PDB file of N, CA and C in Angstrom:
ATOM      1  N   MET A   1     157.639  76.043  94.049  1.00  0.00           N
ATOM      2  CA  MET A   1     158.175  76.670  92.864  1.00  0.00           C
ATOM      3  C   MET A   1     157.591  75.955  91.649  1.00  0.00           C
ATOM      4  N   ASP A   2     157.006  76.723  90.758  1.00  0.00           N
ATOM      5  CA  ASP A   2     156.434  76.191  89.519  1.00  0.00           C
ATOM      6  C   ASP A   2     157.499  76.148  88.427  1.00  0.00           C
ATOM      7  N   ILE A   3     157.661  74.976  87.830  1.00  0.00           N
ATOM      8  CA  ILE A   3     158.729  74.758  86.844  1.00  0.00           C
ATOM      9  C   ILE A   3     158.141  74.321  85.514  1.00  0.00           C
ATOM     10  N   LEU A   4     158.691  74.881  84.456  1.00  0.00           N
ATOM     11  CA  LEU A   4     158.370  74.477  83.088  1.00  0.00           C
ATOM     12  C   LEU A   4     159.625  73.817  82.520  1.00  0.00           C
ATOM     13  N   ILE A   5     159.480  72.622  81.969  1.00  0.00           N
ATOM     14  CA  ILE A   5     160.600  71.886  81.383  1.00  0.00           C
ATOM     15  C   ILE A   5     160.563  72.063  79.875  1.00  0.00           C
ATOM     16  N   ALA A   6     161.671  72.507  79.294  1.00  0.00           N
ATOM     17  CA  ALA A   6     161.759  72.696  77.844  1.00  0.00           C
ATOM     18  C   ALA A   6     162.925  71.875  77.303  1.00  0.00           C
ATOM     19  N   ASP A   7     162.587  70.759  76.661  1.00  0.00           N
ATOM     20  CA  ASP A   7     163.594  69.879  76.065  1.00  0.00           C
ATOM     21  C   ASP A   7     162.927  69.133  74.921  1.00  0.00           C
ATOM     22  N   ASP A   8     163.631  68.960  73.807  1.00  0.00           N
ATOM     23  CA  ASP A   8     163.020  68.302  72.650  1.00  0.00           C
ATOM     24  C   ASP A   8     162.976  66.784  72.779  1.00  0.00           C
ATOM     25  N   GLN A   9     163.649  66.223  73.776  1.00  0.00           N
ATOM     26  CA  GLN A   9     163.676  64.774  73.941  1.00  0.00           C
ATOM     27  C   GLN A   9     162.636  64.344  74.982  1.00  0.00           C
ATOM     28  N   PRO A  10     161.602  63.598  74.541  1.00  0.00           N
ATOM     29  CA  PRO A  10     160.545  63.189  75.477  1.00  0.00           C
ATOM     30  C   PRO A  10     161.068  62.411  76.686  1.00  0.00           C
ATOM     31  N   GLN A  11     162.070  61.571  76.492  1.00  0.00           N
ATOM     32  CA  GLN A  11     162.588  60.785  77.605  1.00  0.00           C
ATOM     33  C   GLN A  11     163.299  61.669  78.632  1.00  0.00           C
ATOM     34  N   VAL A  12     163.935  62.737  78.179  1.00  0.00           N
ATOM     35  CA  VAL A  12     164.580  63.668  79.115  1.00  0.00           C
ATOM     36  C   VAL A  12     163.511  64.410  79.908  1.00  0.00           C
ATOM     37  N   ARG A  13     162.480  64.899  79.211  1.00  0.00           N
ATOM     38  CA  ARG A  13     161.385  65.596  79.902  1.00  0.00           C
ATOM     39  C   ARG A  13     160.737  64.680  80.941  1.00  0.00           C
ATOM     40  N   SER A  14     160.496  63.446  80.566  1.00  0.00           N
ATOM     41  CA  SER A  14     159.859  62.492  81.471  1.00  0.00           C
ATOM     42  C   SER A  14     160.723  62.227  82.708  1.00  0.00           C
ATOM     43  N   ALA A  15     162.011  62.021  82.508  1.00  0.00           N
ATOM     44  CA  ALA A  15     162.924  61.766  83.627  1.00  0.00           C
ATOM     45  C   ALA A  15     163.006  62.979  84.550  1.00  0.00           C
ATOM     46  N   LEU A  16     163.085  64.174  83.955  1.00  0.00           N
ATOM     47  CA  LEU A  16     163.139  65.393  84.772  1.00  0.00           C
ATOM     48  C   LEU A  16     161.846  65.572  85.570  1.00  0.00           C
ATOM     49  N   ARG A  17     160.709  65.339  84.921  1.00  0.00           N
ATOM     50  CA  ARG A  17     159.421  65.467  85.612  1.00  0.00           C
ATOM     51  C   ARG A  17     159.373  64.499  86.804  1.00  0.00           C
ATOM     52  N   LEU A  18     159.759  63.261  86.572  1.00  0.00           N
ATOM     53  CA  LEU A  18     159.742  62.252  87.638  1.00  0.00           C
ATOM     54  C   LEU A  18     160.611  62.688  88.809  1.00  0.00           C
ATOM     55  N   LEU A  19     161.804  63.181  88.523  1.00  0.00           N
ATOM     56  CA  LEU A  19     162.723  63.625  89.566  1.00  0.00           C
ATOM     57  C   LEU A  19     162.164  64.830  90.320  1.00  0.00           C
ATOM     58  N   LEU A  20     161.723  65.833  89.584  1.00  0.00           N
ATOM     59  CA  LEU A  20     161.289  67.085  90.204  1.00  0.00           C
ATOM     60  C   LEU A  20     160.006  66.926  91.013  1.00  0.00           C
ATOM     61  N   GLU A  21     159.110  66.079  90.543  1.00  0.00           N
ATOM     62  CA  GLU A  21     157.845  65.920  91.261  1.00  0.00           C
ATOM     63  C   GLU A  21     157.998  65.187  92.582  1.00  0.00           C
ATOM     64  N   GLN A  22     159.141  64.561  92.810  1.00  0.00           N
ATOM     65  CA  GLN A  22     159.397  63.896  94.084  1.00  0.00           C
ATOM     66  C   GLN A  22     159.999  64.858  95.114  1.00  0.00           C
ATOM     67  N   GLU A  23     160.363  66.030  94.662  1.00  0.00           N
ATOM     68  CA  GLU A  23     161.025  67.004  95.528  1.00  0.00           C
ATOM     69  C   GLU A  23     159.994  67.961  96.129  1.00  0.00           C
ATOM     70  N   PRO A  24     159.898  68.024  97.470  1.00  0.00           N
ATOM     71  CA  PRO A  24     158.940  68.938  98.097  1.00  0.00           C
ATOM     72  C   PRO A  24     159.174  70.386  97.654  1.00  0.00           C
ATOM     73  N   GLY A  25     158.104  71.078  97.367  1.00  0.00           N
ATOM     74  CA  GLY A  25     158.195  72.482  96.995  1.00  0.00           C
ATOM     75  C   GLY A  25     158.379  72.732  95.514  1.00  0.00           C
ATOM     76  N   LEU A  26     158.617  71.684  94.737  1.00  0.00           N
ATOM     77  CA  LEU A  26     158.768  71.835  93.293  1.00  0.00           C
ATOM     78  C   LEU A  26     157.549  71.235  92.602  1.00  0.00           C
ATOM     79  N   ARG A  27     157.040  71.954  91.595  1.00  0.00           N
ATOM     80  CA  ARG A  27     155.872  71.464  90.861  1.00  0.00           C
ATOM     81  C   ARG A  27     156.094  71.727  89.377  1.00  0.00           C
ATOM     82  N   VAL A  28     156.050  70.670  88.587  1.00  0.00           N
ATOM     83  CA  VAL A  28     156.171  70.806  87.133  1.00  0.00           C
ATOM     84  C   VAL A  28     154.798  71.183  86.595  1.00  0.00           C
ATOM     85  N   ILE A  29     154.728  72.353  85.955  1.00  0.00           N
ATOM     86  CA  ILE A  29     153.434  72.837  85.462  1.00  0.00           C
ATOM     87  C   ILE A  29     153.287  72.696  83.952  1.00  0.00           C
ATOM     88  N   GLY A  30     154.347  72.223  83.287  1.00  0.00           N
ATOM     89  CA  GLY A  30     154.245  72.013  81.853  1.00  0.00           C
ATOM     90  C   GLY A  30     155.553  71.566  81.249  1.00  0.00           C
ATOM     91  N   GLU A  31     155.437  71.128  79.994  1.00  0.00           N
ATOM     92  CA  GLU A  31     156.593  70.678  79.220  1.00  0.00           C
ATOM     93  C   GLU A  31     156.481  71.255  77.818  1.00  0.00           C
ATOM     94  N   SER A  32     157.624  71.618  77.245  1.00  0.00           N
ATOM     95  CA  SER A  32     157.681  72.131  75.875  1.00  0.00           C
ATOM     96  C   SER A  32     158.768  71.394  75.110  1.00  0.00           C
ATOM     97  N   ALA A  33     158.518  71.168  73.824  1.00  0.00           N
ATOM     98  CA  ALA A  33     159.496  70.480  72.981  1.00  0.00           C
ATOM     99  C   ALA A  33     160.188  71.430  72.010  1.00  0.00           C
ATOM    100  N   ASP A  34     159.723  72.689  71.926  1.00  0.00           N
ATOM    101  CA  ASP A  34     160.364  73.660  71.033  1.00  0.00           C
ATOM    102  C   ASP A  34     160.137  75.073  71.567  1.00  0.00           C
ATOM    103  N   ALA A  35     160.852  76.025  70.993  1.00  0.00           N
ATOM    104  CA  ALA A  35     160.829  77.409  71.487  1.00  0.00           C
ATOM    105  C   ALA A  35     159.456  78.060  71.340  1.00  0.00           C
ATOM    106  N   GLN A  36     158.762  77.790  70.254  1.00  0.00           N
ATOM    107  CA  GLN A  36     157.451  78.410  70.042  1.00  0.00           C
ATOM    108  C   GLN A  36     156.466  77.973  71.132  1.00  0.00           C
ATOM    109  N   ASP A  37     156.430  76.672  71.420  1.00  0.00           N
ATOM    110  CA  ASP A  37     155.548  76.172  72.473  1.00  0.00           C
ATOM    111  C   ASP A  37     155.987  76.698  73.835  1.00  0.00           C
ATOM    112  N   LEU A  38     157.294  76.817  74.044  1.00  0.00           N
ATOM    113  CA  LEU A  38     157.815  77.355  75.298  1.00  0.00           C
ATOM    114  C   LEU A  38     157.288  78.764  75.529  1.00  0.00           C
ATOM    115  N   LEU A  39     157.332  79.600  74.503  1.00  0.00           N
ATOM    116  CA  LEU A  39     156.831  80.973  74.636  1.00  0.00           C
ATOM    117  C   LEU A  39     155.334  80.976  74.943  1.00  0.00           C
ATOM    118  N   ALA A  40     154.585  80.125  74.267  1.00  0.00           N
ATOM    119  CA  ALA A  40     153.139  80.060  74.498  1.00  0.00           C
ATOM    120  C   ALA A  40     152.836  79.606  75.934  1.00  0.00           C
ATOM    121  N   GLN A  41     153.528  78.575  76.397  1.00  0.00           N
ATOM    122  CA  GLN A  41     153.284  78.077  77.749  1.00  0.00           C
ATOM    123  C   GLN A  41     153.746  79.064  78.816  1.00  0.00           C
ATOM    124  N   THR A  42     154.825  79.765  78.536  1.00  0.00           N
ATOM    125  CA  THR A  42     155.305  80.768  79.491  1.00  0.00           C
ATOM    126  C   THR A  42     154.280  81.891  79.611  1.00  0.00           C
ATOM    127  N   THR A  43     153.725  82.310  78.494  1.00  0.00           N
ATOM    128  CA  THR A  43     152.691  83.344  78.504  1.00  0.00           C
ATOM    129  C   THR A  43     151.481  82.876  79.311  1.00  0.00           C
ATOM    130  N   ALA A  44     151.097  81.618  79.138  1.00  0.00           N
ATOM    131  CA  ALA A  44     149.903  81.087  79.791  1.00  0.00           C
ATOM    132  C   ALA A  44     150.102  80.815  81.281  1.00  0.00           C
ATOM    133  N   THR A  45     151.306  80.401  81.679  1.00  0.00           N
ATOM    134  CA  THR A  45     151.498  79.926  83.056  1.00  0.00           C
ATOM    135  C   THR A  45     152.420  80.787  83.915  1.00  0.00           C
ATOM    136  N   CYS A  46     153.290  81.561  83.315  1.00  0.00           N
ATOM    137  CA  CYS A  46     154.286  82.382  84.017  1.00  0.00           C
ATOM    138  C   CYS A  46     154.959  81.595  85.155  1.00  0.00           C
ATOM    139  N   PRO A  47     155.766  80.587  84.789  1.00  0.00           N
ATOM    140  CA  PRO A  47     156.427  79.762  85.813  1.00  0.00           C
ATOM    141  C   PRO A  47     157.468  80.561  86.591  1.00  0.00           C
ATOM    142  N   ASP A  48     157.886  80.000  87.720  1.00  0.00           N
ATOM    143  CA  ASP A  48     158.962  80.612  88.504  1.00  0.00           C
ATOM    144  C   ASP A  48     160.318  80.303  87.883  1.00  0.00           C
ATOM    145  N   LEU A  49     160.410  79.116  87.246  1.00  0.00           N
ATOM    146  CA  LEU A  49     161.681  78.657  86.702  1.00  0.00           C
ATOM    147  C   LEU A  49     161.442  77.848  85.431  1.00  0.00           C
ATOM    148  N   ILE A  50     162.328  78.038  84.463  1.00  0.00           N
ATOM    149  CA  ILE A  50     162.314  77.212  83.255  1.00  0.00           C
ATOM    150  C   ILE A  50     163.623  76.442  83.221  1.00  0.00           C
ATOM    151  N   LEU A  51     163.514  75.149  83.075  1.00  0.00           N
ATOM    152  CA  LEU A  51     164.673  74.285  82.864  1.00  0.00           C
ATOM    153  C   LEU A  51     164.783  74.150  81.351  1.00  0.00           C
ATOM    154  N   LEU A  52     165.734  74.874  80.746  1.00  0.00           N
ATOM    155  CA  LEU A  52     165.808  75.075  79.304  1.00  0.00           C
ATOM    156  C   LEU A  52     166.956  74.314  78.650  1.00  0.00           C
ATOM    157  N   ASP A  53     166.597  73.385  77.764  1.00  0.00           N
ATOM    158  CA  ASP A  53     167.596  72.699  76.944  1.00  0.00           C
ATOM    159  C   ASP A  53     168.272  73.757  76.065  1.00  0.00           C
ATOM    160  N   TRP A  54     169.574  73.897  76.209  1.00  0.00           N
ATOM    161  CA  TRP A  54     170.303  74.950  75.499  1.00  0.00           C
ATOM    162  C   TRP A  54     170.309  74.736  73.984  1.00  0.00           C
ATOM    163  N   GLU A  55     170.027  73.522  73.542  1.00  0.00           N
ATOM    164  CA  GLU A  55     169.957  73.232  72.111  1.00  0.00           C
ATOM    165  C   GLU A  55     168.508  72.996  71.674  1.00  0.00           C
ATOM    166  N   LEU A  56     167.555  73.613  72.361  1.00  0.00           N
ATOM    167  CA  LEU A  56     166.136  73.455  72.034  1.00  0.00           C
ATOM    168  C   LEU A  56     165.883  73.889  70.590  1.00  0.00           C
ATOM    169  N   PRO A  57     165.151  73.082  69.800  1.00  0.00           N
ATOM    170  CA  PRO A  57     164.880  73.448  68.403  1.00  0.00           C
ATOM    171  C   PRO A  57     164.188  74.806  68.279  1.00  0.00           C
ATOM    172  N   ALA A  58     164.550  75.501  67.221  1.00  0.00           N
ATOM    173  CA  ALA A  58     163.967  76.795  66.844  1.00  0.00           C
ATOM    174  C   ALA A  58     164.460  77.959  67.694  1.00  0.00           C
ATOM    175  N   ILE A  59     165.518  77.752  68.485  1.00  0.00           N
ATOM    176  CA  ILE A  59     166.116  78.890  69.190  1.00  0.00           C
ATOM    177  C   ILE A  59     167.077  79.567  68.220  1.00  0.00           C
ATOM    178  N   GLN A  60     166.766  80.788  67.876  1.00  0.00           N
ATOM    179  CA  GLN A  60     167.663  81.558  67.010  1.00  0.00           C
ATOM    180  C   GLN A  60     168.817  82.117  67.837  1.00  0.00           C
ATOM    181  N   SER A  61     168.475  82.713  68.960  1.00  0.00           N
ATOM    182  CA  SER A  61     169.470  83.310  69.837  1.00  0.00           C
ATOM    183  C   SER A  61     169.044  83.054  71.276  1.00  0.00           C
ATOM    184  N   PRO A  62     169.791  82.235  72.007  1.00  0.00           N
ATOM    185  CA  PRO A  62     169.399  81.954  73.396  1.00  0.00           C
ATOM    186  C   PRO A  62     169.271  83.214  74.253  1.00  0.00           C
ATOM    187  N   SER A  63     170.165  84.193  74.061  1.00  0.00           N
ATOM    188  CA  SER A  63     170.082  85.400  74.886  1.00  0.00           C
ATOM    189  C   SER A  63     168.805  86.180  74.599  1.00  0.00           C
ATOM    190  N   SER A  64     168.379  86.250  73.327  1.00  0.00           N
ATOM    191  CA  SER A  64     167.136  86.962  73.036  1.00  0.00           C
ATOM    192  C   SER A  64     165.934  86.157  73.516  1.00  0.00           C
ATOM    193  N   LEU A  65     166.014  84.828  73.501  1.00  0.00           N
ATOM    194  CA  LEU A  65     164.925  84.012  74.028  1.00  0.00           C
ATOM    195  C   LEU A  65     164.775  84.260  75.524  1.00  0.00           C
ATOM    196  N   ILE A  66     165.869  84.268  76.255  1.00  0.00           N
ATOM    197  CA  ILE A  66     165.806  84.515  77.697  1.00  0.00           C
ATOM    198  C   ILE A  66     165.236  85.909  77.961  1.00  0.00           C
ATOM    199  N   ALA A  67     165.656  86.896  77.191  1.00  0.00           N
ATOM    200  CA  ALA A  67     165.121  88.251  77.366  1.00  0.00           C
ATOM    201  C   ALA A  67     163.615  88.283  77.102  1.00  0.00           C
ATOM    202  N   THR A  68     163.180  87.580  76.067  1.00  0.00           N
ATOM    203  CA  THR A  68     161.747  87.527  75.750  1.00  0.00           C
ATOM    204  C   THR A  68     160.979  86.832  76.868  1.00  0.00           C
ATOM    205  N   LEU A  69     161.512  85.727  77.373  1.00  0.00           N
ATOM    206  CA  LEU A  69     160.862  85.004  78.464  1.00  0.00           C
ATOM    207  C   LEU A  69     160.751  85.881  79.705  1.00  0.00           C
ATOM    208  N   ARG A  70     161.801  86.619  80.004  1.00  0.00           N
ATOM    209  CA  ARG A  70     161.785  87.492  81.188  1.00  0.00           C
ATOM    210  C   ARG A  70     160.846  88.680  80.993  1.00  0.00           C
ATOM    211  N   ALA A  71     160.675  89.121  79.753  1.00  0.00           N
ATOM    212  CA  ALA A  71     159.708  90.187  79.490  1.00  0.00           C
ATOM    213  C   ALA A  71     158.285  89.683  79.775  1.00  0.00           C
ATOM    214  N   LEU A  72     158.045  88.402  79.493  1.00  0.00           N
ATOM    215  CA  LEU A  72     156.738  87.804  79.766  1.00  0.00           C
ATOM    216  C   LEU A  72     156.517  87.592  81.260  1.00  0.00           C
ATOM    217  N   CYS A  73     157.574  87.197  81.962  1.00  0.00           N
ATOM    218  CA  CYS A  73     157.514  86.901  83.400  1.00  0.00           C
ATOM    219  C   CYS A  73     158.764  87.475  84.059  1.00  0.00           C
ATOM    220  N   PRO A  74     158.691  88.695  84.546  1.00  0.00           N
ATOM    221  CA  PRO A  74     159.894  89.385  85.060  1.00  0.00           C
ATOM    222  C   PRO A  74     160.654  88.659  86.179  1.00  0.00           C
ATOM    223  N   ARG A  75     159.971  87.886  87.015  1.00  0.00           N
ATOM    224  CA  ARG A  75     160.668  87.195  88.113  1.00  0.00           C
ATOM    225  C   ARG A  75     161.202  85.830  87.699  1.00  0.00           C
ATOM    226  N   LEU A  76     161.040  85.473  86.454  1.00  0.00           N
ATOM    227  CA  LEU A  76     161.442  84.167  85.936  1.00  0.00           C
ATOM    228  C   LEU A  76     162.943  83.946  86.046  1.00  0.00           C
ATOM    229  N   ARG A  77     163.300  82.711  86.447  1.00  0.00           N
ATOM    230  CA  ARG A  77     164.695  82.297  86.439  1.00  0.00           C
ATOM    231  C   ARG A  77     164.824  81.163  85.432  1.00  0.00           C
ATOM    232  N   VAL A  78     165.921  81.174  84.695  1.00  0.00           N
ATOM    233  CA  VAL A  78     166.166  80.162  83.669  1.00  0.00           C
ATOM    234  C   VAL A  78     167.421  79.385  84.044  1.00  0.00           C
ATOM    235  N   VAL A  79     167.289  78.061  84.074  1.00  0.00           N
ATOM    236  CA  VAL A  79     168.438  77.185  84.297  1.00  0.00           C
ATOM    237  C   VAL A  79     168.683  76.456  82.981  1.00  0.00           C
ATOM    238  N   ALA A  80     169.858  76.667  82.412  1.00  0.00           N
ATOM    239  CA  ALA A  80     170.219  76.038  81.145  1.00  0.00           C
ATOM    240  C   ALA A  80     170.616  74.584  81.391  1.00  0.00           C
ATOM    241  N   LEU A  81     170.231  73.735  80.436  1.00  0.00           N
ATOM    242  CA  LEU A  81     170.494  72.308  80.518  1.00  0.00           C
ATOM    243  C   LEU A  81     171.101  71.888  79.185  1.00  0.00           C
ATOM    244  N   SER A  82     172.221  71.161  79.234  1.00  0.00           N
ATOM    245  CA  SER A  82     172.849  70.740  77.988  1.00  0.00           C
ATOM    246  C   SER A  82     173.655  69.465  78.188  1.00  0.00           C
ATOM    247  N   GLY A  83     173.728  68.692  77.140  1.00  0.00           N
ATOM    248  CA  GLY A  83     174.588  67.519  77.131  1.00  0.00           C
ATOM    249  C   GLY A  83     176.026  67.889  76.815  1.00  0.00           C
ATOM    250  N   ARG A  84     176.250  69.166  76.537  1.00  0.00           N
ATOM    251  CA  ARG A  84     177.591  69.661  76.202  1.00  0.00           C
ATOM    252  C   ARG A  84     178.073  70.601  77.304  1.00  0.00           C
ATOM    253  N   PRO A  85     178.847  70.087  78.265  1.00  0.00           N
ATOM    254  CA  PRO A  85     179.301  70.906  79.394  1.00  0.00           C
ATOM    255  C   PRO A  85     180.053  72.170  78.968  1.00  0.00           C
ATOM    256  N   GLU A  86     180.652  72.153  77.795  1.00  0.00           N
ATOM    257  CA  GLU A  86     181.391  73.330  77.329  1.00  0.00           C
ATOM    258  C   GLU A  86     180.471  74.523  77.028  1.00  0.00           C
ATOM    259  N   MET A  87     179.163  74.309  77.039  1.00  0.00           N
ATOM    260  CA  MET A  87     178.205  75.390  76.797  1.00  0.00           C
ATOM    261  C   MET A  87     177.939  76.225  78.049  1.00  0.00           C
ATOM    262  N   ARG A  88     178.470  75.812  79.185  1.00  0.00           N
ATOM    263  CA  ARG A  88     178.234  76.507  80.465  1.00  0.00           C
ATOM    264  C   ARG A  88     178.526  78.006  80.371  1.00  0.00           C
ATOM    265  N   GLY A  89     179.681  78.367  79.892  1.00  0.00           N
ATOM    266  CA  GLY A  89     180.062  79.783  79.826  1.00  0.00           C
ATOM    267  C   GLY A  89     179.111  80.594  78.964  1.00  0.00           C
ATOM    268  N   ALA A  90     178.760  80.071  77.806  1.00  0.00           N
ATOM    269  CA  ALA A  90     177.845  80.782  76.901  1.00  0.00           C
ATOM    270  C   ALA A  90     176.470  80.935  77.536  1.00  0.00           C
ATOM    271  N   ALA A  91     175.983  79.887  78.189  1.00  0.00           N
ATOM    272  CA  ALA A  91     174.656  79.945  78.810  1.00  0.00           C
ATOM    273  C   ALA A  91     174.615  80.995  79.920  1.00  0.00           C
ATOM    274  N   LEU A  92     175.628  81.015  80.757  1.00  0.00           N
ATOM    275  CA  LEU A  92     175.670  81.999  81.836  1.00  0.00           C
ATOM    276  C   LEU A  92     175.830  83.412  81.286  1.00  0.00           C
ATOM    277  N   ALA A  93     176.643  83.565  80.246  1.00  0.00           N
ATOM    278  CA  ALA A  93     176.822  84.877  79.621  1.00  0.00           C
ATOM    279  C   ALA A  93     175.537  85.366  78.960  1.00  0.00           C
ATOM    280  N   ASP A  94     174.718  84.441  78.479  1.00  0.00           N
ATOM    281  CA  ASP A  94     173.467  84.796  77.809  1.00  0.00           C
ATOM    282  C   ASP A  94     172.315  85.019  78.776  1.00  0.00           C
ATOM    283  N   GLY A  95     172.561  84.902  80.072  1.00  0.00           N
ATOM    284  CA  GLY A  95     171.540  85.256  81.046  1.00  0.00           C
ATOM    285  C   GLY A  95     170.939  84.126  81.859  1.00  0.00           C
ATOM    286  N   ALA A  96     171.414  82.904  81.686  1.00  0.00           N
ATOM    287  CA  ALA A  96     170.907  81.806  82.511  1.00  0.00           C
ATOM    288  C   ALA A  96     171.375  82.011  83.953  1.00  0.00           C
ATOM    289  N   ALA A  97     170.513  81.681  84.909  1.00  0.00           N
ATOM    290  CA  ALA A  97     170.856  81.820  86.323  1.00  0.00           C
ATOM    291  C   ALA A  97     171.839  80.743  86.756  1.00  0.00           C
ATOM    292  N   ALA A  98     171.798  79.604  86.061  1.00  0.00           N
ATOM    293  CA  ALA A  98     172.678  78.478  86.386  1.00  0.00           C
ATOM    294  C   ALA A  98     172.735  77.561  85.175  1.00  0.00           C
ATOM    295  N   PHE A  99     173.657  76.616  85.234  1.00  0.00           N
ATOM    296  CA  PHE A  99     173.841  75.656  84.144  1.00  0.00           C
ATOM    297  C   PHE A  99     173.923  74.259  84.747  1.00  0.00           C
ATOM    298  N   VAL A 100     173.251  73.305  84.098  1.00  0.00           N
ATOM    299  CA  VAL A 100     173.302  71.908  84.517  1.00  0.00           C
ATOM    300  C   VAL A 100     173.664  71.077  83.295  1.00  0.00           C
ATOM    301  N   SER A 101     174.655  70.219  83.454  1.00  0.00           N
ATOM    302  CA  SER A 101     174.991  69.284  82.388  1.00  0.00           C
ATOM    303  C   SER A 101     174.061  68.084  82.489  1.00  0.00           C
ATOM    304  N   LYS A 102     173.635  67.564  81.336  1.00  0.00           N
ATOM    305  CA  LYS A 102     172.777  66.382  81.349  1.00  0.00           C
ATOM    306  C   LYS A 102     173.508  65.184  81.937  1.00  0.00           C
ATOM    307  N   GLY A 103     174.821  65.271  82.055  1.00  0.00           N
ATOM    308  CA  GLY A 103     175.606  64.209  82.668  1.00  0.00           C
ATOM    309  C   GLY A 103     175.742  64.343  84.176  1.00  0.00           C
ATOM    310  N   ASP A 104     175.275  65.465  84.736  1.00  0.00           N
ATOM    311  CA  ASP A 104     175.334  65.662  86.190  1.00  0.00           C
ATOM    312  C   ASP A 104     174.399  64.696  86.898  1.00  0.00           C
ATOM    313  N   SER A 105     174.668  64.446  88.139  1.00  0.00           N
ATOM    314  CA  SER A 105     173.811  63.552  88.928  1.00  0.00           C
ATOM    315  C   SER A 105     172.475  64.229  89.223  1.00  0.00           C
ATOM    316  N   PRO A 106     171.438  63.439  89.471  1.00  0.00           N
ATOM    317  CA  PRO A 106     170.157  64.031  89.876  1.00  0.00           C
ATOM    318  C   PRO A 106     170.301  64.895  91.131  1.00  0.00           C
ATOM    319  N   GLU A 107     171.135  64.464  92.060  1.00  0.00           N
ATOM    320  CA  GLU A 107     171.356  65.239  93.280  1.00  0.00           C
ATOM    321  C   GLU A 107     171.989  66.590  92.954  1.00  0.00           C
ATOM    322  N   GLY A 108     172.904  66.596  91.973  1.00  0.00           N
ATOM    323  CA  GLY A 108     173.536  67.845  91.546  1.00  0.00           C
ATOM    324  C   GLY A 108     172.524  68.804  90.946  1.00  0.00           C
ATOM    325  N   LEU A 109     171.628  68.278  90.116  1.00  0.00           N
ATOM    326  CA  LEU A 109     170.565  69.104  89.526  1.00  0.00           C
ATOM    327  C   LEU A 109     169.690  69.698  90.619  1.00  0.00           C
ATOM    328  N   LEU A 110     169.268  68.871  91.567  1.00  0.00           N
ATOM    329  CA  LEU A 110     168.404  69.356  92.642  1.00  0.00           C
ATOM    330  C   LEU A 110     169.114  70.409  93.492  1.00  0.00           C
ATOM    331  N   ALA A 111     170.402  70.216  93.758  1.00  0.00           N
ATOM    332  CA  ALA A 111     171.160  71.198  94.535  1.00  0.00           C
ATOM    333  C   ALA A 111     171.210  72.539  93.811  1.00  0.00           C
ATOM    334  N   ILE A 112     171.409  72.507  92.502  1.00  0.00           N
ATOM    335  CA  ILE A 112     171.444  73.751  91.724  1.00  0.00           C
ATOM    336  C   ILE A 112     170.071  74.413  91.736  1.00  0.00           C
ATOM    337  N   LEU A 113     169.012  73.638  91.563  1.00  0.00           N
ATOM    338  CA  LEU A 113     167.669  74.213  91.589  1.00  0.00           C
ATOM    339  C   LEU A 113     167.356  74.820  92.956  1.00  0.00           C
ATOM    340  N   ARG A 114     167.757  74.146  94.027  1.00  0.00           N
ATOM    341  CA  ARG A 114     167.545  74.702  95.374  1.00  0.00           C
ATOM    342  C   ARG A 114     168.285  76.033  95.529  1.00  0.00           C
ATOM    343  N   ALA A 115     169.524  76.091  95.045  1.00  0.00           N
ATOM    344  CA  ALA A 115     170.314  77.324  95.145  1.00  0.00           C
ATOM    345  C   ALA A 115     169.656  78.450  94.338  1.00  0.00           C
ATOM    346  N   VAL A 116     169.157  78.141  93.171  1.00  0.00           N
ATOM    347  CA  VAL A 116     168.483  79.148  92.339  1.00  0.00           C
ATOM    348  C   VAL A 116     167.205  79.612  93.018  1.00  0.00           C
ATOM    349  N   CYS A 117     166.485  78.703  93.665  1.00  0.00           N
ATOM    350  CA  CYS A 117     165.269  79.049  94.403  1.00  0.00           C
ATOM    351  C   CYS A 117     165.587  80.028  95.523  1.00  0.00           C
ATOM    352  N   VAL A 118     166.616  79.713  96.303  1.00  0.00           N
ATOM    353  CA  VAL A 118     167.014  80.558  97.427  1.00  0.00           C
ATOM    354  C   VAL A 118     167.436  81.936  96.915  1.00  0.00           C
ATOM    355  N   GLU A 119     168.222  81.963  95.845  1.00  0.00           N
ATOM    356  CA  GLU A 119     168.686  83.228  95.265  1.00  0.00           C
ATOM    357  C   GLU A 119     167.506  84.065  94.780  1.00  0.00           C
ATOM    358  N   GLY A 120     166.519  83.401  94.200  1.00  0.00           N
ATOM    359  CA  GLY A 120     165.350  84.107  93.672  1.00  0.00           C
ATOM    360  C   GLY A 120     164.471  84.701  94.749  1.00  0.00           C
ATOM    361  N   GLU A 121     164.551  84.169  95.962  1.00  0.00           N
ATOM    362  CA  GLU A 121     163.743  84.673  97.059  1.00  0.00           C
ATOM    363  C   GLU A 121     164.352  85.900  97.708  1.00  0.00           C
ATOM    364  N   LYS A 122     165.581  86.212  97.380  1.00  0.00           N
ATOM    365  CA  LYS A 122     166.264  87.372  97.989  1.00  0.00           C
ATOM    366  C   LYS A 122     165.784  88.667  97.383  1.00  0.00           C
TER     367      LYS A 122
END
């Protein structure tokens, strides 16, 4: 599964890349620090999954961003990531396939990504 990481914090992107690249079947194909770069990279690479910081700079409307991303790559799945667990409901309502809190364990993140992968294969 090809994954694009979108988070404005370099240390978060680095930690996620390190974690994901150790997991068989997962491959990080790029990183974005803002919505404009995310759109450009999605157009260029069409990843299977985007791990999207829900507070990514320059997002006007998360639901319209997800719709735009899916228009670029119809099979794309988006997993919302936030340091604010209370954003879970909004992220899921706006079209995210799943939600991960930045406070969740690495094992929890991997379990959610595995579940999203399995769901996407159906």
